[in-house]
C-alpha atoms as a PDB file:
ATOM      1  CA  MET A   1     153.337  65.011  19.589  1.00  0.00           C
ATOM      2  CA  PHE A   2     155.867  66.935  21.695  1.00  0.00           C
ATOM      3  CA  ARG A   3     157.153  68.688  18.558  1.00  0.00           C
ATOM      4  CA  ILE A   4     153.644  69.925  17.689  1.00  0.00           C
ATOM      5  CA  PHE A   5     153.210  71.213  21.253  1.00  0.00           C
ATOM      6  CA  ALA A   6     156.595  72.972  21.155  1.00  0.00           C
ATOM      7  CA  VAL A   7     155.785  74.659  17.826  1.00  0.00           C
ATOM      8  CA  ALA A   8     152.356  75.746  19.103  1.00  0.00           C
ATOM      9  CA  ALA A   9     153.840  77.105  22.343  1.00  0.00           C
ATOM     10  CA  THR A  10     156.517  79.018  20.430  1.00  0.00           C
ATOM     11  CA  ALA A  11     153.913  80.492  18.091  1.00  0.00           C
ATOM     12  CA  MET A  12     151.819  81.603  21.072  1.00  0.00           C
ATOM     13  CA  ILE A  13     154.810  83.298  22.749  1.00  0.00           C
ATOM     14  CA  ILE A  14     155.696  85.120  19.513  1.00  0.00           C
ATOM     15  CA  ALA A  15     152.078  86.246  19.056  1.00  0.00           C
ATOM     16  CA  MET A  16     151.961  87.613  22.614  1.00  0.00           C
ATOM     17  CA  ALA A  17     155.250  89.483  22.128  1.00  0.00           C
ATOM     18  CA  VAL A  18     154.095  90.954  18.817  1.00  0.00           C
ATOM     19  CA  GLY A  19     150.829  92.020  20.476  1.00  0.00           C
ATOM     20  CA  ARG A  20     152.750  93.967  23.107  1.00  0.00           C
ATOM     21  CA  ILE A  21     154.917  95.625  20.473  1.00  0.00           C
ATOM     22  CA  ALA A  22     151.854  96.473  18.372  1.00  0.00           C
ATOM     23  CA  ARG A  23     150.200  98.133  21.388  1.00  0.00           C
ATOM     24  CA  ALA A  24     153.283 100.290  22.004  1.00  0.00           C
ATOM     25  CA  GLU A  25     153.369 101.320  18.346  1.00  0.00           C
ATOM     26  CA  SER A  26     149.606 101.540  18.028  1.00  0.00           C
ATOM     27  CA  PRO A  27     148.235 104.056  15.563  1.00  0.00           C
ATOM     28  CA  ASP A  28     145.764 104.944  18.322  1.00  0.00           C
ATOM     29  CA  LEU A  29     148.539 106.578  20.348  1.00  0.00           C
ATOM     30  CA  ILE A  30     148.396 110.308  19.709  1.00  0.00           C
ATOM     31  CA  VAL A  31     151.896 111.760  19.412  1.00  0.00           C
ATOM     32  CA  LYS A  32     152.683 115.409  18.755  1.00  0.00           C
ATOM     33  CA  GLU A  33     156.028 117.101  18.306  1.00  0.00           C
ATOM     34  CA  SER A  34     156.697 120.060  20.556  1.00  0.00           C
ATOM     35  CA  ALA A  35     158.228 123.190  19.056  1.00  0.00           C
ATOM     36  CA  VAL A  36     159.884 124.066  22.379  1.00  0.00           C
ATOM     37  CA  ASP A  37     162.364 122.352  24.691  1.00  0.00           C
ATOM     38  CA  PHE A  38     161.470 119.623  27.156  1.00  0.00           C
ATOM     39  CA  SER A  39     161.287 121.791  30.328  1.00  0.00           C
ATOM     40  CA  THR A  40     159.163 124.433  28.642  1.00  0.00           C
ATOM     41  CA  THR A  41     156.815 121.775  27.280  1.00  0.00           C
ATOM     42  CA  VAL A  42     156.340 120.265  30.756  1.00  0.00           C
ATOM     43  CA  GLN A  43     155.799 123.684  32.362  1.00  0.00           C
ATOM     44  CA  ARG A  44     153.315 124.768  29.697  1.00  0.00           C
ATOM     45  CA  LEU A  45     151.416 121.499  29.958  1.00  0.00           C
ATOM     46  CA  GLN A  46     151.103 121.842  33.728  1.00  0.00           C
ATOM     47  CA  ALA A  47     150.027 125.483  33.473  1.00  0.00           C
ATOM     48  CA  GLU A  48     147.432 124.714  30.786  1.00  0.00           C
ATOM     49  CA  ILE A  49     145.971 121.842  32.807  1.00  0.00           C
ATOM     50  CA  GLU A  50     145.518 124.071  35.843  1.00  0.00           C
ATOM     51  CA  LYS A  51     144.215 126.970  33.732  1.00  0.00           C
ATOM     52  CA  ARG A  52     141.431 124.698  32.471  1.00  0.00           C
ATOM     53  CA  GLY A  53     140.328 123.746  35.988  1.00  0.00           C
ATOM     54  CA  ALA A  54     141.756 120.237  36.106  1.00  0.00           C
ATOM     55  CA  LYS A  55     143.933 119.058  38.960  1.00  0.00           C
ATOM     56  CA  ILE A  56     147.410 117.611  38.593  1.00  0.00           C
ATOM     57  CA  VAL A  57     147.469 114.470  40.696  1.00  0.00           C
ATOM     58  CA  ALA A  58     151.103 113.515  40.115  1.00  0.00           C
ATOM     59  CA  THR A  59     154.144 114.237  38.034  1.00  0.00           C
ATOM     60  CA  VAL A  60     156.370 111.249  37.401  1.00  0.00           C
ATOM     61  CA  ASP A  61     159.911 112.133  36.331  1.00  0.00           C
ATOM     62  CA  HIS A  62     161.149 108.805  34.963  1.00  0.00           C
ATOM     63  CA  ALA A  63     164.608 110.173  34.086  1.00  0.00           C
ATOM     64  CA  SER A  64     165.134 111.425  37.626  1.00  0.00           C
ATOM     65  CA  GLY A  65     164.088 108.045  39.023  1.00  0.00           C
ATOM     66  CA  ALA A  66     166.498 106.287  36.691  1.00  0.00           C
ATOM     67  CA  LYS A  67     169.334 108.641  37.659  1.00  0.00           C
ATOM     68  CA  ALA A  68     168.693 108.047  41.370  1.00  0.00           C
ATOM     69  CA  ASN A  69     169.343 104.366  40.674  1.00  0.00           C
ATOM     70  CA  GLY A  70     172.513 104.850  38.646  1.00  0.00           C
ATOM     71  CA  LEU A  71     170.813 104.586  35.266  1.00  0.00           C
ATOM     72  CA  GLU A  72     170.570 107.042  32.399  1.00  0.00           C
ATOM     73  CA  MET A  73     167.430 107.970  30.505  1.00  0.00           C
ATOM     74  CA  ARG A  74     166.558 110.843  28.208  1.00  0.00           C
ATOM     75  CA  PRO A  75     164.073 113.322  29.733  1.00  0.00           C
ATOM     76  CA  THR A  76     160.770 111.480  30.211  1.00  0.00           C
ATOM     77  CA  THR A  77     157.898 112.752  32.368  1.00  0.00           C
ATOM     78  CA  VAL A  78     154.293 111.680  32.841  1.00  0.00           C
ATOM     79  CA  ILE A  79     151.722 114.213  34.028  1.00  0.00           C
ATOM     80  CA  ILE A  80     148.678 112.582  35.652  1.00  0.00           C
ATOM     81  CA  PHE A  81     145.655 114.839  35.925  1.00  0.00           C
ATOM     82  CA  GLY A  82     141.930 114.895  35.952  1.00  0.00           C
ATOM     83  CA  ASN A  83     138.660 116.666  36.410  1.00  0.00           C
ATOM     84  CA  PRO A  84     136.131 114.782  38.574  1.00  0.00           C
ATOM     85  CA  MET A  85     133.291 116.374  36.588  1.00  0.00           C
ATOM     86  CA  LEU A  86     134.422 114.316  33.597  1.00  0.00           C
ATOM     87  CA  GLY A  87     136.027 111.229  35.115  1.00  0.00           C
ATOM     88  CA  THR A  88     133.333 110.466  37.678  1.00  0.00           C
ATOM     89  CA  PRO A  89     130.561 109.808  35.119  1.00  0.00           C
ATOM     90  CA  LEU A  90     132.746 107.166  33.474  1.00  0.00           C
ATOM     91  CA  MET A  91     133.410 105.495  36.817  1.00  0.00           C
ATOM     92  CA  GLU A  92     129.709 105.710  37.690  1.00  0.00           C
ATOM     93  CA  SER A  93     129.079 103.704  34.539  1.00  0.00           C
ATOM     94  CA  LEU A  94     131.695 101.148  35.511  1.00  0.00           C
ATOM     95  CA  GLN A  95     134.122 101.618  38.386  1.00  0.00           C
ATOM     96  CA  THR A  96     136.883  99.705  36.618  1.00  0.00           C
ATOM     97  CA  ALA A  97     137.344 102.809  34.449  1.00  0.00           C
ATOM     98  CA  GLY A  98     139.254 104.066  37.487  1.00  0.00           C
ATOM     99  CA  LEU A  99     142.150 101.908  36.323  1.00  0.00           C
ATOM    100  CA  ASP A 100     142.601 104.303  33.405  1.00  0.00           C
ATOM    101  CA  LEU A 101     141.755 107.529  35.197  1.00  0.00           C
ATOM    102  CA  PRO A 102     142.961 110.145  35.836  1.00  0.00           C
ATOM    103  CA  LEU A 103     144.270 110.913  32.375  1.00  0.00           C
ATOM    104  CA  ARG A 104     147.993 110.782  31.593  1.00  0.00           C
ATOM    105  CA  VAL A 105     150.222 112.635  29.161  1.00  0.00           C
ATOM    106  CA  LEU A 106     153.794 111.572  28.450  1.00  0.00           C
ATOM    107  CA  ILE A 107     156.437 114.111  27.455  1.00  0.00           C
ATOM    108  CA  TRP A 108     159.760 112.728  26.269  1.00  0.00           C
ATOM    109  CA  GLU A 109     162.875 113.653  24.372  1.00  0.00           C
ATOM    110  CA  ASP A 110     163.602 111.087  21.679  1.00  0.00           C
ATOM    111  CA  ALA A 111     166.985 109.908  20.371  1.00  0.00           C
ATOM    112  CA  GLY A 112     166.995 112.778  17.846  1.00  0.00           C
ATOM    113  CA  ASN A 113     166.473 115.348  20.650  1.00  0.00           C
ATOM    114  CA  ASN A 114     162.924 116.030  19.483  1.00  0.00           C
ATOM    115  CA  VAL A 115     160.412 116.645  22.249  1.00  0.00           C
ATOM    116  CA  ARG A 116     157.270 114.556  21.930  1.00  0.00           C
ATOM    117  CA  ILE A 117     153.903 114.662  23.674  1.00  0.00           C
ATOM    118  CA  GLY A 118     151.833 111.497  23.706  1.00  0.00           C
ATOM    119  CA  TYR A 119     148.568 110.192  25.105  1.00  0.00           C
ATOM    120  CA  TRP A 120     145.890 107.589  24.495  1.00  0.00           C
ATOM    121  CA  PRO A 121     142.541 108.865  23.235  1.00  0.00           C
ATOM    122  CA  PRO A 122     139.883 108.890  25.990  1.00  0.00           C
ATOM    123  CA  SER A 123     137.644 106.703  23.833  1.00  0.00           C
ATOM    124  CA  GLN A 124     139.979 103.836  24.737  1.00  0.00           C
ATOM    125  CA  ILE A 125     138.660 104.034  28.310  1.00  0.00           C
ATOM    126  CA  THR A 126     135.057 103.482  27.286  1.00  0.00           C
ATOM    127  CA  ASP A 127     136.088 100.855  24.735  1.00  0.00           C
ATOM    128  CA  ALA A 128     138.269  98.933  27.191  1.00  0.00           C
ATOM    129  CA  HIS A 129     135.605  98.901  29.887  1.00  0.00           C
ATOM    130  CA  GLY A 130     132.570  98.431  27.665  1.00  0.00           C
ATOM    131  CA  ILE A 131     131.023 101.738  28.725  1.00  0.00           C
ATOM    132  CA  GLU A 132     128.250 102.938  26.444  1.00  0.00           C
ATOM    133  CA  GLY A 133     126.328 106.196  26.265  1.00  0.00           C
ATOM    134  CA  ARG A 134     129.171 108.445  27.473  1.00  0.00           C
ATOM    135  CA  GLN A 135     130.354 109.825  24.135  1.00  0.00           C
ATOM    136  CA  ASP A 136     129.707 113.347  25.423  1.00  0.00           C
ATOM    137  CA  VAL A 137     132.237 112.796  28.213  1.00  0.00           C
ATOM    138  CA  THR A 138     134.949 111.337  25.997  1.00  0.00           C
ATOM    139  CA  ASP A 139     134.366 114.128  23.454  1.00  0.00           C
ATOM    140  CA  LYS A 140     135.005 116.732  26.181  1.00  0.00           C
ATOM    141  CA  MET A 141     138.099 114.875  27.390  1.00  0.00           C
ATOM    142  CA  THR A 142     139.393 114.599  23.823  1.00  0.00           C
ATOM    143  CA  ALA A 143     138.875 118.300  23.149  1.00  0.00           C
ATOM    144  CA  ALA A 144     140.611 119.226  26.404  1.00  0.00           C
ATOM    145  CA  LEU A 145     143.594 116.928  25.748  1.00  0.00           C
ATOM    146  CA  ASN A 146     143.969 118.282  22.221  1.00  0.00           C
ATOM    147  CA  ALA A 147     143.889 121.900  23.390  1.00  0.00           C
ATOM    148  CA  ILE A 148     146.209 121.305  26.349  1.00  0.00           C
ATOM    149  CA  THR A 149     148.818 119.444  24.314  1.00  0.00           C
ATOM    150  CA  ASP A 150     148.600 121.804  21.347  1.00  0.00           C
ATOM    151  CA  THR A 151     149.245 124.775  23.636  1.00  0.00           C
ATOM    152  CA  ALA A 152     152.096 123.022  25.464  1.00  0.00           C
ATOM    153  CA  GLY A 153     153.948 122.278  22.242  1.00  0.00           C
ATOM    154  CA  ALA A 154     153.236 125.512  20.374  1.00  0.00           C
ATOM    155  CA  PRO A 155     156.129 127.711  19.175  1.00  0.00           C
END
């Protein structure tokens, strides 16, 4: 009996670990390669966000935080930004959408020194929170994210 329990518990732990790995490598994650260096990509992304009327809420420099604690990390920055005209309707539908808003874009330099730009599609917010009837909002967010990230990584 104990052996069956141990095997079942091990299988459950492996399934949970694989689920986490699958999420990180999810085909839903949108990743683009930037044609310019890391700093330029970050600067362009910030400028494009502001140009489009959104507000940058925070910039998280993970590499700087690691360095301040004696650790090394390749350049990795998250830009958190939003536009209340788009985010508020989702939160009016269900306030828990606020867990996934404002939007976030990750810029990082990979092991091959390629600069990448990544983000989750806005439709994941409505899917995760069971919000219906807001396709117009997620379509606008998707178009904005595509344009902002395309411009940031352009040659």
